Amino acid sequence: MKTCIHVGAHHAEECYPGYDIVHWIEADPGQWARLSHLNLHKFAALDYDGETTFYRRNVSMASSILPLCPDEKDFTGKPLSIIDAVTVPCYRLDTVFKDLACLNLLVIAVEGAELHVLRGACELLIRTEEVRIELLALHGYPTQEEYSALLHDFVFMEKCPYHGGYNSDLRYKRK
């Protein structure tokens, strides 16, 4: 069975044709009701199990477990602000998916916290064929080099490098 895990579901606007199972992970309790028809996991994927603070921003798609960077703006150039902070459960992907034999695709779009997700998925990455990461080109957020260095240790090679702009998807395939 072809399986995908999408971390940072937001509105779950992406389509995964050809996949038998898609696990949607979303940390924002404000999104859970609209995603209830999906195979939804209600937690933040991180590098530890417990609880974390989730910062809701004035632009919902920019909400994150990370506090705002100085002078952070959305993709249109408007300033971002935190409208509230909520405590949510957090788990390592290794904990939640320990019995998953093979993962075909791991998609991570969590507004700068992608390295935390990857560090909590070390065992899962060994059983993963492809990883896609939304890269945000913001000061203080992880860089393409940081993702590539971590994934290189798991025998992934970069398939689609970053070409600039506010955000871009990085793709890594198993060698």
Protein backbone atom coordinates (compact mmCIF):
# COMPACT_ATOMS: atom_id res chain seq x y z
CA MET A 1 0.00 0.00 0.00
CA LYS A 2 1.39 3.37 -1.02
CA THR A 3 1.55 5.64 2.04
CA CYS A 4 2.10 9.37 2.52
CA ILE A 5 2.49 11.41 5.70
CA HIS A 6 1.83 15.14 5.34
CA VAL A 7 3.01 17.14 8.36
CA GLY A 8 1.44 20.61 8.51
CA ALA A 9 -1.90 19.88 6.85
CA HIS A 10 -3.34 23.41 7.27
CA HIS A 11 -6.32 23.19 4.85
CA ALA A 12 -5.17 19.91 3.24
CA GLU A 13 -5.32 21.43 -0.25
CA GLU A 14 -2.69 19.09 -1.70
CA CYS A 15 -3.69 15.97 -3.65
CA TYR A 16 -1.84 12.67 -3.56
CA PRO A 17 -3.21 10.57 -6.43
CA GLY A 18 -1.99 7.00 -6.40
CA TYR A 19 -1.57 6.89 -2.62
CA ASP A 20 -3.70 4.40 -0.71
CA ILE A 21 -3.24 6.05 2.68
CA VAL A 22 -2.50 9.70 3.53
CA HIS A 23 -1.87 10.58 7.17
CA TRP A 24 -2.54 14.30 7.72
CA ILE A 25 -0.87 15.83 10.78
CA GLU A 26 -2.01 19.24 12.01
CA ALA A 27 -1.04 21.02 15.24
CA ASP A 28 -3.51 23.92 15.04
CA PRO A 29 -6.73 23.10 16.94
CA GLY A 30 -8.43 25.85 14.91
CA GLN A 31 -8.04 23.69 11.77
CA TRP A 32 -9.16 20.34 13.23
CA ALA A 33 -12.92 20.67 12.61
CA ARG A 34 -12.50 21.50 8.91
CA LEU A 35 -10.16 18.49 8.49
CA SER A 36 -12.28 15.97 10.42
CA HIS A 37 -13.22 14.07 7.24
CA LEU A 38 -9.54 13.14 6.71
CA ASN A 39 -7.22 10.61 8.31
CA LEU A 40 -6.21 13.36 10.73
CA HIS A 41 -3.64 13.21 13.54
CA LYS A 42 -4.08 16.11 15.98
CA PHE A 43 -0.60 16.93 17.26
CA ALA A 44 2.61 18.78 16.47
CA ALA A 45 5.31 16.53 15.02
CA LEU A 46 8.56 17.33 16.84
CA ASP A 47 11.75 15.77 18.18
CA TYR A 48 10.22 14.84 21.57
CA ASP A 49 6.95 13.51 22.99
CA GLY A 50 4.94 15.77 25.32
CA GLU A 51 3.42 19.21 24.83
CA THR A 52 4.45 22.38 23.06
CA THR A 53 3.20 25.90 22.44
CA PHE A 54 1.61 26.54 19.07
CA TYR A 55 1.63 30.19 17.95
CA ARG A 56 -1.35 31.20 15.84
CA ARG A 57 -0.56 34.09 13.57
CA ASN A 58 -2.74 36.67 11.83
CA VAL A 59 -2.16 34.65 8.62
CA SER A 60 -3.19 31.10 9.56
CA MET A 61 -0.89 29.36 7.08
CA ALA A 62 2.09 31.03 8.81
CA SER A 63 1.22 29.64 12.27
CA SER A 64 3.97 27.57 13.86
CA ILE A 65 5.50 26.12 17.00
CA LEU A 66 8.23 28.73 16.52
CA PRO A 67 7.88 32.28 17.82
CA LEU A 68 8.07 35.06 15.26
CA CYS A 69 11.40 35.99 13.76
CA PRO A 70 12.20 39.73 13.96
CA ASP A 71 10.32 41.64 11.26
CA GLU A 72 8.74 38.44 9.89
CA LYS A 73 6.35 39.04 6.99
CA ASP A 74 3.98 36.88 4.97
CA PHE A 75 4.51 36.11 1.29
CA THR A 76 2.88 39.43 0.30
CA GLY A 77 5.22 41.45 2.53
CA LYS A 78 2.66 42.22 5.25
CA PRO A 79 3.91 41.99 8.86
CA LEU A 80 2.97 38.86 10.80
CA SER A 81 1.76 38.93 14.37
CA ILE A 82 0.83 36.32 16.95
CA ILE A 83 -2.89 36.36 17.74
CA ASP A 84 -2.74 33.66 20.43
CA ALA A 85 -0.72 30.76 21.75
CA VAL A 86 -2.16 27.36 22.64
CA THR A 87 -0.68 24.26 24.25
CA VAL A 88 -0.91 21.20 22.00
CA PRO A 89 0.33 17.62 22.24
CA CYS A 90 3.53 16.82 20.36
CA TYR A 91 5.01 13.49 19.32
CA ARG A 92 7.95 12.18 17.38
CA LEU A 93 6.96 10.60 14.07
CA ASP A 94 9.07 7.64 15.20
CA THR A 95 6.68 7.17 18.14
CA VAL A 96 3.43 7.46 16.19
CA PHE A 97 4.51 5.47 13.12
CA LYS A 98 6.83 2.91 14.72
CA ASP A 99 4.89 0.03 13.13
CA LEU A 100 4.79 1.49 9.62
CA ALA A 101 6.95 -0.82 7.50
CA CYS A 102 7.47 1.51 4.53
CA LEU A 103 6.71 5.17 3.88
CA ASN A 104 6.63 6.26 0.27
CA LEU A 105 6.42 10.01 0.83
CA LEU A 106 7.00 12.33 3.78
CA VAL A 107 5.87 15.94 3.20
CA ILE A 108 6.81 18.58 5.78
CA ALA A 109 5.42 22.13 5.70
CA VAL A 110 5.64 23.48 9.24
CA GLU A 111 6.82 27.07 8.90
CA GLY A 112 10.46 26.74 9.90
CA ALA A 113 10.22 23.77 12.31
CA GLU A 114 11.06 21.13 9.69
CA LEU A 115 14.39 20.14 11.28
CA HIS A 116 12.57 19.38 14.55
CA VAL A 117 10.22 17.07 12.63
CA LEU A 118 13.11 15.32 10.86
CA ARG A 119 15.05 14.83 14.10
CA GLY A 120 11.99 13.09 15.54
CA ALA A 121 11.75 10.80 12.51
CA CYS A 122 15.22 9.21 12.38
CA GLU A 123 13.89 5.63 12.48
CA LEU A 124 11.09 6.42 10.03
CA LEU A 125 13.52 8.03 7.56
CA ILE A 126 15.32 4.70 7.23
CA ARG A 127 12.04 3.30 5.83
CA THR A 128 11.16 6.34 3.68
CA GLU A 129 11.56 6.62 -0.10
CA GLU A 130 11.07 10.37 -0.65
CA VAL A 131 11.01 13.53 1.49
CA ARG A 132 9.58 16.90 0.43
CA ILE A 133 10.24 19.97 2.55
CA GLU A 134 8.78 23.44 2.17
CA LEU A 135 11.75 25.76 2.61
CA LEU A 136 11.05 29.26 3.94
CA ALA A 137 13.79 31.69 3.03
CA LEU A 138 13.63 33.72 6.24
CA HIS A 139 16.44 34.86 8.50
CA GLY A 140 16.72 32.48 11.44
CA TYR A 141 14.96 29.58 9.71
CA PRO A 142 16.84 26.42 8.60
CA THR A 143 18.63 26.51 5.27
CA GLN A 144 18.75 24.10 2.36
CA GLU A 145 22.26 23.12 3.47
CA GLU A 146 21.02 22.10 6.92
CA TYR A 147 18.28 19.87 5.47
CA SER A 148 20.64 18.35 2.92
CA ALA A 149 23.28 17.56 5.56
CA LEU A 150 20.78 15.79 7.81
CA LEU A 151 19.13 13.83 5.00
CA HIS A 152 22.48 12.90 3.44
CA ASP A 153 23.13 10.83 6.57
CA PHE A 154 20.01 8.81 5.69
CA VAL A 155 21.21 8.21 2.10
CA PHE A 156 18.96 10.76 0.42
CA MET A 157 20.05 12.86 -2.50
CA GLU A 158 18.65 16.22 -3.45
CA LYS A 159 16.32 15.92 -6.41
CA CYS A 160 14.97 19.46 -6.79
CA PRO A 161 17.20 22.17 -5.29
CA TYR A 162 16.01 25.50 -3.94
CA HIS A 163 15.93 28.27 -6.55
CA GLY A 164 15.16 31.30 -4.39
CA GLY A 165 12.02 33.18 -3.44
CA TYR A 166 9.88 33.26 -0.32
CA ASN A 167 9.36 29.52 -0.23
CA SER A 168 10.16 26.54 -2.39
CA ASP A 169 9.86 22.80 -2.10
CA LEU A 170 13.00 20.74 -1.61
CA ARG A 171 12.75 17.14 -2.80
CA TYR A 172 14.97 14.30 -1.63
CA LYS A 173 14.88 10.77 -3.02
CA ARG A 174 16.56 7.70 -1.62
CA LYS A 175 19.78 6.90 -3.53
